[in-house]
Amino acid sequence: MSASDDFRDYASAKEKIDAAPEFYAGYFYVNARTKYIDSVLRHAAESGSEQVVILGAGFDSRAYRLHDNYPTLRFFEVDLPAMTAVKKQRLRDARIQIPGQATLSSIDFETQALEDVLPAAGYNAAKKSLFILEGVSMYISEASSGTSLEFVHRHAASGSSIVYDYVLREILSEGRSRYYGMESNAETVAVHGEPYITGWTPAECTMSRMAVPVR
């Protein structure tokens, strides 16, 4: 039995997870988040959305995984120049062709606004769109998040929507000890050079969502 087969065995997998439960808590969270946002995208596409804008796209694979299901759905991926360059190289290395309906653009959320990037990439403000902000808001300043949300509010067609996740404001302080796995999680991202710098309260999140209505 190979190592990969061993991990597929429930008993062996459980043993590994039980040995480092806080680490795998983050792993399962990310999987659940991806599955949920995929379902939001499918619903949006089947409800008439023509564009998907992925902010802080990283290695997001939706434009490639879901292309056959929604071949006319236009994807816009925006991220830091260095990240965009790395992704393009990884796609070339894997011999994965960027679909004609996908556009990769560079942006620094701290110094640029979406108005500087998306229209030039072909984004059409008259078309119903879904905006995805996955695993991003906690790593950029509150002002930068606000600028992006304001763009959606002003430049998204009627019926457009946005889906995003965030960390609680108290996660940025000693309050994170109240939440399972957050101490190690916050330390891990900080060690990798991307500490949590922005958090919201549930009330603030609700207000932000109300400011970006599905019109």
N, C-alpha and C. Protein backbone atom coordinates (compact mmCIF):
# COMPACT_ATOMS: atom_id res chain seq x y z
N MET A 1 0.85 -1.19 0.00
CA MET A 1 0.00 0.00 0.00
C MET A 1 0.89 1.25 0.00
N SER A 2 0.62 2.17 -0.93
CA SER A 2 1.43 3.38 -1.02
C SER A 2 1.03 4.36 0.07
N ALA A 3 1.86 5.40 0.21
CA ALA A 3 1.56 6.42 1.22
C ALA A 3 0.23 7.09 0.93
N SER A 4 -0.03 7.36 -0.36
CA SER A 4 -1.29 8.03 -0.72
C SER A 4 -2.48 7.12 -0.43
N ASP A 5 -2.30 5.80 -0.73
CA ASP A 5 -3.38 4.85 -0.43
C ASP A 5 -3.62 4.76 1.06
N ASP A 6 -2.53 4.81 1.83
CA ASP A 6 -2.63 4.72 3.28
C ASP A 6 -3.46 5.87 3.83
N PHE A 7 -3.26 7.07 3.27
CA PHE A 7 -3.99 8.23 3.77
C PHE A 7 -5.47 8.17 3.37
N ARG A 8 -5.78 7.45 2.30
CA ARG A 8 -7.17 7.33 1.88
C ARG A 8 -7.94 6.36 2.79
N ASP A 9 -7.23 5.54 3.52
CA ASP A 9 -7.88 4.64 4.45
C ASP A 9 -8.39 5.45 5.64
N TYR A 10 -9.65 5.27 6.02
CA TYR A 10 -10.27 6.11 7.05
C TYR A 10 -9.51 6.05 8.36
N ALA A 11 -9.15 4.85 8.80
CA ALA A 11 -8.48 4.72 10.09
C ALA A 11 -7.13 5.44 10.09
N SER A 12 -6.39 5.30 8.99
CA SER A 12 -5.08 5.96 8.91
C SER A 12 -5.24 7.47 8.83
N ALA A 13 -6.24 7.92 8.05
CA ALA A 13 -6.48 9.36 7.93
C ALA A 13 -6.88 9.94 9.28
N LYS A 14 -7.74 9.24 10.00
CA LYS A 14 -8.19 9.73 11.30
C LYS A 14 -7.02 9.83 12.26
N GLU A 15 -6.12 8.87 12.21
CA GLU A 15 -4.96 8.89 13.09
C GLU A 15 -4.11 10.13 12.84
N LYS A 16 -3.91 10.47 11.55
CA LYS A 16 -3.12 11.65 11.20
C LYS A 16 -3.82 12.93 11.63
N ILE A 17 -5.13 12.99 11.40
CA ILE A 17 -5.89 14.18 11.76
C ILE A 17 -5.92 14.37 13.27
N ASP A 18 -6.12 13.28 13.99
CA ASP A 18 -6.17 13.37 15.46
C ASP A 18 -4.84 13.81 16.04
N ALA A 19 -3.75 13.56 15.31
CA ALA A 19 -2.43 13.93 15.81
C ALA A 19 -2.18 15.43 15.68
N ALA A 20 -2.90 16.09 14.77
CA ALA A 20 -2.74 17.53 14.58
C ALA A 20 -4.08 18.16 14.23
N PRO A 21 -5.03 18.07 15.15
CA PRO A 21 -6.40 18.50 14.84
C PRO A 21 -6.53 19.98 14.48
N GLU A 22 -5.75 20.86 15.11
CA GLU A 22 -5.88 22.28 14.80
C GLU A 22 -5.42 22.58 13.38
N PHE A 23 -4.38 21.88 12.93
CA PHE A 23 -3.91 22.06 11.56
C PHE A 23 -4.99 21.66 10.56
N TYR A 24 -5.60 20.51 10.80
CA TYR A 24 -6.61 20.03 9.85
C TYR A 24 -7.93 20.78 9.98
N ALA A 25 -8.14 21.48 11.08
CA ALA A 25 -9.34 22.31 11.19
C ALA A 25 -9.33 23.36 10.09
N GLY A 26 -8.17 23.97 9.88
CA GLY A 26 -8.04 24.95 8.81
C GLY A 26 -8.21 24.32 7.45
N TYR A 27 -7.68 23.13 7.29
CA TYR A 27 -7.79 22.40 6.02
C TYR A 27 -9.25 22.15 5.66
N PHE A 28 -10.02 21.67 6.64
CA PHE A 28 -11.42 21.37 6.37
C PHE A 28 -12.24 22.64 6.19
N TYR A 29 -11.85 23.71 6.88
CA TYR A 29 -12.54 24.98 6.68
C TYR A 29 -12.39 25.45 5.23
N VAL A 30 -11.17 25.40 4.72
CA VAL A 30 -10.92 25.86 3.36
C VAL A 30 -11.70 25.00 2.36
N ASN A 31 -11.76 23.71 2.60
CA ASN A 31 -12.53 22.83 1.71
C ASN A 31 -14.01 23.18 1.74
N ALA A 32 -14.54 23.42 2.94
CA ALA A 32 -15.95 23.77 3.06
C ALA A 32 -16.23 25.12 2.39
N ARG A 33 -15.31 26.07 2.58
CA ARG A 33 -15.46 27.38 1.97
C ARG A 33 -15.49 27.28 0.44
N THR A 34 -14.57 26.50 -0.11
CA THR A 34 -14.51 26.33 -1.56
C THR A 34 -15.79 25.71 -2.09
N LYS A 35 -16.27 24.68 -1.41
CA LYS A 35 -17.50 24.00 -1.85
C LYS A 35 -18.69 24.97 -1.80
N TYR A 36 -18.76 25.78 -0.74
CA TYR A 36 -19.87 26.72 -0.61
C TYR A 36 -19.82 27.76 -1.73
N ILE A 37 -18.64 28.34 -1.97
CA ILE A 37 -18.54 29.39 -2.99
C ILE A 37 -18.78 28.80 -4.38
N ASP A 38 -18.36 27.57 -4.61
CA ASP A 38 -18.69 26.91 -5.88
C ASP A 38 -20.20 26.85 -6.07
N SER A 39 -20.92 26.53 -5.01
CA SER A 39 -22.38 26.43 -5.11
C SER A 39 -22.99 27.80 -5.38
N VAL A 40 -22.41 28.86 -4.78
CA VAL A 40 -22.89 30.22 -5.04
C VAL A 40 -22.65 30.58 -6.50
N LEU A 41 -21.49 30.21 -7.02
CA LEU A 41 -21.18 30.50 -8.42
C LEU A 41 -22.15 29.78 -9.36
N ARG A 42 -22.39 28.52 -9.09
CA ARG A 42 -23.32 27.75 -9.93
C ARG A 42 -24.70 28.40 -9.93
N HIS A 43 -25.15 28.80 -8.76
CA HIS A 43 -26.46 29.44 -8.66
C HIS A 43 -26.48 30.75 -9.45
N ALA A 44 -25.41 31.53 -9.31
CA ALA A 44 -25.34 32.80 -10.03
C ALA A 44 -25.36 32.58 -11.54
N ALA A 45 -24.57 31.61 -12.01
CA ALA A 45 -24.52 31.34 -13.44
C ALA A 45 -25.87 30.88 -13.97
N GLU A 46 -26.54 30.06 -13.19
CA GLU A 46 -27.83 29.54 -13.62
C GLU A 46 -28.96 30.56 -13.43
N SER A 47 -28.62 31.69 -12.77
CA SER A 47 -29.61 32.75 -12.55
C SER A 47 -29.34 33.96 -13.44
N GLY A 48 -28.47 33.78 -14.41
CA GLY A 48 -28.26 34.84 -15.39
C GLY A 48 -27.00 35.66 -15.28
N SER A 49 -26.13 35.36 -14.33
CA SER A 49 -24.86 36.11 -14.25
C SER A 49 -23.99 35.76 -15.44
N GLU A 50 -23.34 36.76 -15.99
CA GLU A 50 -22.50 36.56 -17.17
C GLU A 50 -21.02 36.73 -16.88
N GLN A 51 -20.70 37.29 -15.72
CA GLN A 51 -19.31 37.56 -15.37
C GLN A 51 -19.04 37.12 -13.93
N VAL A 52 -17.83 36.62 -13.70
CA VAL A 52 -17.36 36.31 -12.35
C VAL A 52 -16.05 37.06 -12.15
N VAL A 53 -16.00 37.86 -11.11
CA VAL A 53 -14.79 38.63 -10.81
C VAL A 53 -14.20 38.06 -9.52
N ILE A 54 -13.01 37.50 -9.61
CA ILE A 54 -12.36 36.88 -8.46
C ILE A 54 -11.26 37.81 -7.97
N LEU A 55 -11.47 38.41 -6.82
CA LEU A 55 -10.55 39.39 -6.26
C LEU A 55 -9.53 38.70 -5.36
N GLY A 56 -8.26 38.94 -5.61
CA GLY A 56 -7.24 38.21 -4.87
C GLY A 56 -7.28 36.75 -5.27
N ALA A 57 -7.23 36.49 -6.57
CA ALA A 57 -7.53 35.15 -7.10
C ALA A 57 -6.54 34.07 -6.67
N GLY A 58 -5.27 34.43 -6.50
CA GLY A 58 -4.30 33.40 -6.13
C GLY A 58 -4.32 32.25 -7.11
N PHE A 59 -4.38 31.02 -6.58
CA PHE A 59 -4.44 29.84 -7.42
C PHE A 59 -5.87 29.35 -7.63
N ASP A 60 -6.83 30.23 -7.51
CA ASP A 60 -8.23 29.87 -7.74
C ASP A 60 -8.36 29.15 -9.08
N SER A 61 -9.10 28.04 -9.09
CA SER A 61 -9.18 27.21 -10.29
C SER A 61 -10.57 27.18 -10.92
N ARG A 62 -11.47 28.04 -10.48
CA ARG A 62 -12.85 27.95 -10.95
C ARG A 62 -12.99 28.18 -12.45
N ALA A 63 -12.22 29.09 -13.00
CA ALA A 63 -12.31 29.36 -14.44
C ALA A 63 -11.92 28.15 -15.26
N TYR A 64 -11.15 27.23 -14.66
CA TYR A 64 -10.65 26.06 -15.36
C TYR A 64 -11.50 24.83 -15.05
N ARG A 65 -11.86 24.69 -13.78
CA ARG A 65 -12.69 23.55 -13.36
C ARG A 65 -14.11 23.62 -13.90
N LEU A 66 -14.65 24.84 -13.99
CA LEU A 66 -16.07 25.00 -14.32
C LEU A 66 -16.30 25.49 -15.75
N HIS A 67 -15.23 25.60 -16.51
CA HIS A 67 -15.36 26.14 -17.87
C HIS A 67 -16.30 25.30 -18.73
N ASP A 68 -16.17 23.98 -18.66
CA ASP A 68 -17.01 23.11 -19.49
C ASP A 68 -18.49 23.22 -19.11
N ASN A 69 -18.75 23.49 -17.83
CA ASN A 69 -20.14 23.62 -17.38
C ASN A 69 -20.76 24.93 -17.83
N TYR A 70 -19.92 25.99 -17.85
CA TYR A 70 -20.42 27.33 -18.19
C TYR A 70 -19.46 27.97 -19.19
N PRO A 71 -19.44 27.47 -20.41
CA PRO A 71 -18.44 27.92 -21.40
C PRO A 71 -18.53 29.39 -21.80
N THR A 72 -19.66 30.03 -21.59
CA THR A 72 -19.79 31.43 -21.97
C THR A 72 -19.60 32.39 -20.79
N LEU A 73 -19.42 31.84 -19.60
CA LEU A 73 -19.26 32.67 -18.40
C LEU A 73 -17.87 33.32 -18.43
N ARG A 74 -17.82 34.63 -18.31
CA ARG A 74 -16.56 35.36 -18.38
C ARG A 74 -15.96 35.48 -16.98
N PHE A 75 -14.69 35.15 -16.86
CA PHE A 75 -13.98 35.22 -15.58
C PHE A 75 -12.91 36.32 -15.63
N PHE A 76 -12.84 37.09 -14.56
CA PHE A 76 -11.78 38.07 -14.39
C PHE A 76 -11.05 37.74 -13.09
N GLU A 77 -9.77 37.43 -13.18
CA GLU A 77 -8.97 37.12 -12.00
C GLU A 77 -8.00 38.27 -11.77
N VAL A 78 -8.04 38.84 -10.57
CA VAL A 78 -7.11 39.94 -10.26
C VAL A 78 -6.34 39.62 -8.98
N ASP A 79 -5.06 39.91 -9.02
CA ASP A 79 -4.21 39.68 -7.85
C ASP A 79 -2.92 40.47 -8.02
N LEU A 80 -2.06 40.38 -7.04
CA LEU A 80 -0.77 41.06 -7.10
C LEU A 80 0.01 40.65 -8.34
N PRO A 81 0.80 41.55 -8.92
CA PRO A 81 1.56 41.21 -10.13
C PRO A 81 2.41 39.94 -9.98
N ALA A 82 3.09 39.81 -8.85
CA ALA A 82 3.95 38.63 -8.65
C ALA A 82 3.13 37.35 -8.61
N MET A 83 1.97 37.40 -7.95
CA MET A 83 1.11 36.23 -7.85
C MET A 83 0.55 35.87 -9.22
N THR A 84 0.14 36.86 -9.98
CA THR A 84 -0.39 36.62 -11.31
C THR A 84 0.67 35.98 -12.21
N ALA A 85 1.90 36.45 -12.11
CA ALA A 85 2.99 35.89 -12.91
C ALA A 85 3.26 34.44 -12.53
N VAL A 86 3.26 34.16 -11.22
CA VAL A 86 3.49 32.78 -10.77
C VAL A 86 2.38 31.86 -11.26
N LYS A 87 1.15 32.32 -11.19
CA LYS A 87 0.03 31.48 -11.63
C LYS A 87 0.14 31.17 -13.12
N LYS A 88 0.45 32.17 -13.91
CA LYS A 88 0.59 31.95 -15.35
C LYS A 88 1.68 30.92 -15.64
N GLN A 89 2.78 31.02 -14.88
CA GLN A 89 3.86 30.06 -15.08
C GLN A 89 3.44 28.66 -14.66
N ARG A 90 2.72 28.53 -13.54
CA ARG A 90 2.25 27.23 -13.08
C ARG A 90 1.30 26.61 -14.12
N LEU A 91 0.45 27.44 -14.70
CA LEU A 91 -0.47 26.93 -15.73
C LEU A 91 0.32 26.44 -16.94
N ARG A 92 1.34 27.19 -17.34
CA ARG A 92 2.18 26.75 -18.47
C ARG A 92 2.89 25.45 -18.13
N ASP A 93 3.42 25.36 -16.91
CA ASP A 93 4.12 24.14 -16.49
C ASP A 93 3.20 22.94 -16.51
N ALA A 94 1.94 23.16 -16.15
CA ALA A 94 0.97 22.06 -16.11
C ALA A 94 0.28 21.85 -17.46
N ARG A 95 0.68 22.66 -18.43
CA ARG A 95 0.11 22.58 -19.78
C ARG A 95 -1.41 22.78 -19.75
N ILE A 96 -1.82 23.71 -18.93
CA ILE A 96 -3.23 24.08 -18.85
C ILE A 96 -3.40 25.41 -19.58
N GLN A 97 -4.25 25.41 -20.57
CA GLN A 97 -4.48 26.62 -21.35
C GLN A 97 -5.51 27.50 -20.65
N ILE A 98 -5.23 28.78 -20.61
CA ILE A 98 -6.19 29.72 -20.03
C ILE A 98 -7.36 29.85 -21.00
N PRO A 99 -8.58 29.56 -20.55
CA PRO A 99 -9.74 29.66 -21.45
C PRO A 99 -9.88 31.07 -22.02
N GLY A 100 -10.43 31.16 -23.21
CA GLY A 100 -10.62 32.46 -23.84
C GLY A 100 -11.52 33.37 -23.02
N GLN A 101 -12.36 32.77 -22.17
CA GLN A 101 -13.28 33.55 -21.34
C GLN A 101 -12.65 33.99 -20.02
N ALA A 102 -11.37 33.73 -19.83
CA ALA A 102 -10.70 34.09 -18.57
C ALA A 102 -9.62 35.14 -18.83
N THR A 103 -9.61 36.16 -17.99
CA THR A 103 -8.61 37.22 -18.09
C THR A 103 -7.91 37.37 -16.75
N LEU A 104 -6.58 37.31 -16.76
CA LEU A 104 -5.79 37.49 -15.55
C LEU A 104 -5.18 38.88 -15.56
N SER A 105 -5.45 39.66 -14.52
CA SER A 105 -4.94 41.02 -14.44
C SER A 105 -4.27 41.24 -13.10
N SER A 106 -3.35 42.20 -13.07
CA SER A 106 -2.60 42.49 -11.85
C SER A 106 -3.15 43.72 -11.15
N ILE A 107 -3.13 43.67 -9.81
CA ILE A 107 -3.55 44.81 -9.00
C ILE A 107 -2.88 44.72 -7.64
N ASP A 108 -2.55 45.87 -7.09
CA ASP A 108 -2.12 45.97 -5.71
C ASP A 108 -3.26 46.68 -4.98
N PHE A 109 -4.00 45.94 -4.17
CA PHE A 109 -5.19 46.49 -3.52
C PHE A 109 -4.88 47.69 -2.63
N GLU A 110 -3.62 47.79 -2.19
CA GLU A 110 -3.27 48.89 -1.29
C GLU A 110 -2.97 50.19 -2.03
N THR A 111 -2.63 50.10 -3.31
CA THR A 111 -2.24 51.30 -4.05
C THR A 111 -3.09 51.54 -5.30
N GLN A 112 -3.88 50.55 -5.71
CA GLN A 112 -4.70 50.69 -6.90
C GLN A 112 -6.16 50.41 -6.57
N ALA A 113 -7.04 50.91 -7.42
CA ALA A 113 -8.46 50.65 -7.29
C ALA A 113 -8.92 49.77 -8.46
N LEU A 114 -10.01 49.06 -8.26
CA LEU A 114 -10.52 48.19 -9.32
C LEU A 114 -10.87 48.99 -10.57
N GLU A 115 -11.23 50.26 -10.39
CA GLU A 115 -11.49 51.11 -11.56
C GLU A 115 -10.27 51.21 -12.47
N ASP A 116 -9.08 51.03 -11.89
CA ASP A 116 -7.84 51.13 -12.67
C ASP A 116 -7.58 49.87 -13.50
N VAL A 117 -8.26 48.78 -13.16
CA VAL A 117 -7.90 47.49 -13.74
C VAL A 117 -9.04 46.82 -14.52
N LEU A 118 -10.19 46.68 -13.88
CA LEU A 118 -11.25 45.86 -14.48
C LEU A 118 -11.80 46.38 -15.81
N PRO A 119 -12.15 47.66 -15.94
CA PRO A 119 -12.66 48.13 -17.23
C PRO A 119 -11.68 47.86 -18.38
N ALA A 120 -10.39 48.07 -18.13
CA ALA A 120 -9.38 47.85 -19.16
C ALA A 120 -9.27 46.37 -19.53
N ALA A 121 -9.63 45.49 -18.59
CA ALA A 121 -9.57 44.05 -18.84
C ALA A 121 -10.79 43.54 -19.60
N GLY A 122 -11.80 44.40 -19.74
CA GLY A 122 -12.99 44.01 -20.46
C GLY A 122 -14.23 43.83 -19.61
N TYR A 123 -14.13 44.14 -18.32
CA TYR A 123 -15.30 44.03 -17.45
C TYR A 123 -16.40 44.96 -17.92
N ASN A 124 -17.62 44.43 -18.01
CA ASN A 124 -18.77 45.20 -18.49
C ASN A 124 -19.72 45.45 -17.33
N ALA A 125 -19.81 46.70 -16.91
CA ALA A 125 -20.63 47.06 -15.75
C ALA A 125 -22.12 46.87 -16.01
N ALA A 126 -22.50 46.66 -17.25
CA ALA A 126 -23.92 46.49 -17.59
C ALA A 126 -24.37 45.03 -17.47
N LYS A 127 -23.42 44.13 -17.25
CA LYS A 127 -23.75 42.70 -17.18
C LYS A 127 -23.82 42.23 -15.73
N LYS A 128 -24.80 41.40 -15.45
CA LYS A 128 -24.97 40.83 -14.11
C LYS A 128 -23.73 39.99 -13.76
N SER A 129 -23.22 40.20 -12.56
CA SER A 129 -21.93 39.60 -12.19
C SER A 129 -21.94 39.03 -10.78
N LEU A 130 -21.02 38.11 -10.55
CA LEU A 130 -20.74 37.61 -9.21
C LEU A 130 -19.32 38.01 -8.87
N PHE A 131 -19.14 38.61 -7.69
CA PHE A 131 -17.82 38.96 -7.18
C PHE A 131 -17.45 37.99 -6.06
N ILE A 132 -16.24 37.46 -6.12
CA ILE A 132 -15.75 36.52 -5.11
C ILE A 132 -14.54 37.12 -4.42
N LEU A 133 -14.61 37.21 -3.11
CA LEU A 133 -13.51 37.72 -2.29
C LEU A 133 -13.23 36.64 -1.25
N GLU A 134 -12.44 35.66 -1.64
CA GLU A 134 -12.21 34.48 -0.81
C GLU A 134 -10.81 34.49 -0.20
N GLY A 135 -10.76 34.49 1.15
CA GLY A 135 -9.47 34.47 1.81
C GLY A 135 -8.64 35.70 1.51
N VAL A 136 -9.28 36.87 1.47
CA VAL A 136 -8.57 38.10 1.09
C VAL A 136 -8.76 39.21 2.12
N SER A 137 -9.98 39.42 2.56
CA SER A 137 -10.29 40.60 3.38
C SER A 137 -9.43 40.70 4.64
N MET A 138 -9.04 39.57 5.20
CA MET A 138 -8.26 39.59 6.44
C MET A 138 -6.79 39.96 6.23
N TYR A 139 -6.34 39.94 4.96
CA TYR A 139 -4.94 40.20 4.67
C TYR A 139 -4.69 41.60 4.10
N ILE A 140 -5.75 42.34 3.80
CA ILE A 140 -5.57 43.69 3.27
C ILE A 140 -6.20 44.68 4.24
N SER A 141 -5.84 45.94 4.09
CA SER A 141 -6.34 46.95 5.02
C SER A 141 -7.85 47.12 4.90
N GLU A 142 -8.44 47.62 5.96
CA GLU A 142 -9.89 47.84 5.95
C GLU A 142 -10.27 48.86 4.88
N ALA A 143 -9.42 49.84 4.66
CA ALA A 143 -9.68 50.84 3.63
C ALA A 143 -9.69 50.21 2.25
N SER A 144 -8.78 49.26 2.00
CA SER A 144 -8.72 48.60 0.70
C SER A 144 -9.95 47.74 0.47
N SER A 145 -10.39 47.03 1.50
CA SER A 145 -11.62 46.26 1.39
C SER A 145 -12.80 47.18 1.08
N GLY A 146 -12.84 48.31 1.77
CA GLY A 146 -13.92 49.26 1.55
C GLY A 146 -13.93 49.79 0.14
N THR A 147 -12.75 50.06 -0.41
CA THR A 147 -12.66 50.55 -1.79
C THR A 147 -13.19 49.51 -2.77
N SER A 148 -12.86 48.24 -2.54
CA SER A 148 -13.33 47.18 -3.43
C SER A 148 -14.84 47.01 -3.33
N LEU A 149 -15.37 47.06 -2.11
CA LEU A 149 -16.82 46.94 -1.93
C LEU A 149 -17.55 48.12 -2.56
N GLU A 150 -16.93 49.28 -2.48
CA GLU A 150 -17.54 50.47 -3.08
C GLU A 150 -17.60 50.33 -4.60
N PHE A 151 -16.56 49.73 -5.19
CA PHE A 151 -16.57 49.50 -6.64
C PHE A 151 -17.75 48.61 -7.01
N VAL A 152 -17.94 47.53 -6.25
CA VAL A 152 -19.05 46.62 -6.54
C VAL A 152 -20.38 47.36 -6.43
N HIS A 153 -20.49 48.18 -5.40
CA HIS A 153 -21.72 48.94 -5.17
C HIS A 153 -22.02 49.87 -6.34
N ARG A 154 -20.98 50.51 -6.89
CA ARG A 154 -21.18 51.52 -7.92
C ARG A 154 -21.14 50.97 -9.35
N HIS A 155 -20.45 49.83 -9.54
CA HIS A 155 -20.20 49.38 -10.91
C HIS A 155 -20.66 47.95 -11.18
N ALA A 156 -21.63 47.47 -10.44
CA ALA A 156 -22.19 46.14 -10.70
C ALA A 156 -23.63 46.31 -11.18
N ALA A 157 -23.99 45.53 -12.17
CA ALA A 157 -25.33 45.64 -12.74
C ALA A 157 -26.38 45.13 -11.76
N SER A 158 -27.62 45.51 -12.01
CA SER A 158 -28.74 45.05 -11.18
C SER A 158 -28.76 43.53 -11.12
N GLY A 159 -28.96 43.01 -9.91
CA GLY A 159 -28.99 41.56 -9.72
C GLY A 159 -27.65 40.93 -9.45
N SER A 160 -26.58 41.74 -9.48
CA SER A 160 -25.24 41.21 -9.20
C SER A 160 -25.13 40.86 -7.72
N SER A 161 -24.13 40.07 -7.37
CA SER A 161 -23.97 39.63 -5.98
C SER A 161 -22.49 39.50 -5.64
N ILE A 162 -22.23 39.36 -4.35
CA ILE A 162 -20.86 39.20 -3.87
C ILE A 162 -20.85 38.16 -2.76
N VAL A 163 -19.81 37.35 -2.72
CA VAL A 163 -19.63 36.38 -1.64
C VAL A 163 -18.21 36.55 -1.10
N TYR A 164 -18.07 36.57 0.22
CA TYR A 164 -16.76 36.75 0.81
C TYR A 164 -16.72 36.15 2.21
N ASP A 165 -15.52 35.91 2.69
CA ASP A 165 -15.36 35.47 4.07
C ASP A 165 -14.49 36.49 4.80
N TYR A 166 -14.48 36.40 6.12
CA TYR A 166 -13.72 37.35 6.93
C TYR A 166 -13.41 36.72 8.27
N VAL A 167 -12.49 37.33 9.00
CA VAL A 167 -12.23 36.88 10.37
C VAL A 167 -12.84 37.91 11.32
N LEU A 168 -13.20 37.45 12.50
CA LEU A 168 -13.75 38.35 13.50
C LEU A 168 -12.69 39.34 13.97
N ARG A 169 -13.10 40.54 14.27
CA ARG A 169 -12.16 41.58 14.68
C ARG A 169 -11.35 41.14 15.90
N GLU A 170 -11.96 40.40 16.81
CA GLU A 170 -11.26 40.00 18.02
C GLU A 170 -10.16 38.97 17.76
N ILE A 171 -10.17 38.39 16.53
CA ILE A 171 -9.11 37.46 16.17
C ILE A 171 -7.76 38.18 16.09
N LEU A 172 -7.80 39.49 15.87
CA LEU A 172 -6.57 40.26 15.74
C LEU A 172 -5.91 40.52 17.09
N SER A 173 -6.60 40.19 18.17
CA SER A 173 -6.08 40.43 19.51
C SER A 173 -6.08 39.12 20.30
N GLU A 174 -5.96 39.26 21.60
CA GLU A 174 -5.93 38.07 22.45
C GLU A 174 -7.27 37.33 22.44
N GLY A 175 -8.30 37.95 21.90
CA GLY A 175 -9.61 37.31 21.86
C GLY A 175 -9.64 36.05 21.03
N ARG A 176 -8.62 35.85 20.17
CA ARG A 176 -8.63 34.66 19.32
C ARG A 176 -8.48 33.37 20.12
N SER A 177 -7.99 33.48 21.35
CA SER A 177 -7.84 32.27 22.17
C SER A 177 -9.18 31.62 22.48
N ARG A 178 -10.27 32.36 22.27
CA ARG A 178 -11.61 31.82 22.53
C ARG A 178 -12.05 30.87 21.43
N TYR A 179 -11.35 30.88 20.28
CA TYR A 179 -11.80 30.13 19.12
C TYR A 179 -10.84 29.00 18.80
N TYR A 180 -11.42 27.83 18.61
CA TYR A 180 -10.60 26.63 18.38
C TYR A 180 -9.69 26.79 17.16
N GLY A 181 -8.43 26.57 17.37
CA GLY A 181 -7.47 26.55 16.27
C GLY A 181 -6.97 27.90 15.81
N MET A 182 -7.54 28.99 16.33
CA MET A 182 -7.19 30.30 15.80
C MET A 182 -5.82 30.78 16.25
N GLU A 183 -5.38 30.37 17.42
CA GLU A 183 -4.04 30.76 17.87
C GLU A 183 -2.99 30.24 16.89
N SER A 184 -3.03 28.95 16.61
CA SER A 184 -2.04 28.36 15.71
C SER A 184 -2.24 28.85 14.28
N ASN A 185 -3.49 29.06 13.89
CA ASN A 185 -3.78 29.53 12.54
C ASN A 185 -3.21 30.91 12.31
N ALA A 186 -3.43 31.83 13.27
CA ALA A 186 -2.92 33.19 13.15
C ALA A 186 -1.40 33.20 13.14
N GLU A 187 -0.80 32.35 13.95
CA GLU A 187 0.66 32.28 13.99
C GLU A 187 1.22 31.74 12.68
N THR A 188 0.54 30.76 12.10
CA THR A 188 1.02 30.16 10.85
C THR A 188 1.02 31.16 9.71
N VAL A 189 -0.08 31.90 9.53
CA VAL A 189 -0.13 32.86 8.43
C VAL A 189 0.86 34.00 8.65
N ALA A 190 1.08 34.36 9.90
CA ALA A 190 2.05 35.42 10.20
C ALA A 190 3.46 34.97 9.85
N VAL A 191 3.80 33.74 10.18
CA VAL A 191 5.12 33.20 9.87
C VAL A 191 5.38 33.20 8.37
N HIS A 192 4.31 32.98 7.59
CA HIS A 192 4.44 32.96 6.14
C HIS A 192 4.35 34.36 5.52
N GLY A 193 4.39 35.38 6.37
CA GLY A 193 4.45 36.74 5.86
C GLY A 193 3.12 37.37 5.51
N GLU A 194 2.01 36.74 5.89
CA GLU A 194 0.69 37.29 5.60
C GLU A 194 -0.17 37.28 6.87
N PRO A 195 0.16 38.13 7.82
CA PRO A 195 -0.60 38.15 9.08
C PRO A 195 -2.00 38.71 8.87
N TYR A 196 -2.91 38.32 9.74
CA TYR A 196 -4.24 38.91 9.73
C TYR A 196 -4.12 40.37 10.16
N ILE A 197 -4.64 41.29 9.35
CA ILE A 197 -4.56 42.70 9.71
C ILE A 197 -5.94 43.36 9.77
N THR A 198 -6.96 42.70 9.26
CA THR A 198 -8.30 43.28 9.26
C THR A 198 -9.32 42.26 9.70
N GLY A 199 -10.19 42.68 10.61
CA GLY A 199 -11.29 41.82 11.04
C GLY A 199 -12.55 42.65 11.16
N TRP A 200 -13.70 41.99 11.09
CA TRP A 200 -14.99 42.65 11.22
C TRP A 200 -15.79 42.00 12.32
N THR A 201 -16.68 42.75 12.89
CA THR A 201 -17.68 42.15 13.78
C THR A 201 -18.84 41.68 12.90
N PRO A 202 -19.67 40.76 13.39
CA PRO A 202 -20.83 40.35 12.59
C PRO A 202 -21.71 41.52 12.18
N ALA A 203 -21.86 42.50 13.08
CA ALA A 203 -22.68 43.67 12.75
C ALA A 203 -22.06 44.47 11.61
N GLU A 204 -20.74 44.64 11.64
CA GLU A 204 -20.06 45.36 10.57
C GLU A 204 -20.17 44.61 9.25
N CYS A 205 -20.09 43.30 9.31
CA CYS A 205 -20.22 42.48 8.11
C CYS A 205 -21.60 42.67 7.50
N THR A 206 -22.63 42.66 8.35
CA THR A 206 -23.99 42.85 7.87
C THR A 206 -24.14 44.21 7.21
N MET A 207 -23.55 45.24 7.83
CA MET A 207 -23.62 46.58 7.27
C MET A 207 -22.90 46.63 5.93
N SER A 208 -21.76 45.95 5.82
CA SER A 208 -21.01 45.94 4.57
C SER A 208 -21.82 45.26 3.47
N ARG A 209 -22.49 44.16 3.83
CA ARG A 209 -23.28 43.45 2.84
C ARG A 209 -24.47 44.30 2.40
N MET A 210 -25.02 45.05 3.35
CA MET A 210 -26.14 45.92 2.99
C MET A 210 -25.69 47.06 2.07
N ALA A 211 -24.41 47.43 2.19
CA ALA A 211 -23.88 48.51 1.36
C ALA A 211 -23.59 48.03 -0.05
N VAL A 212 -23.57 46.71 -0.25
CA VAL A 212 -23.35 46.14 -1.57
C VAL A 212 -24.56 45.29 -1.92
N PRO A 213 -25.70 45.89 -2.14
CA PRO A 213 -26.93 45.13 -2.30
C PRO A 213 -27.01 44.35 -3.60
N VAL A 214 -27.76 43.26 -3.55
CA VAL A 214 -28.13 42.56 -4.77
C VAL A 214 -29.31 43.34 -5.32
N ARG A 215 -29.03 44.20 -6.28
CA ARG A 215 -30.04 45.15 -6.71
C ARG A 215 -31.00 44.57 -7.75
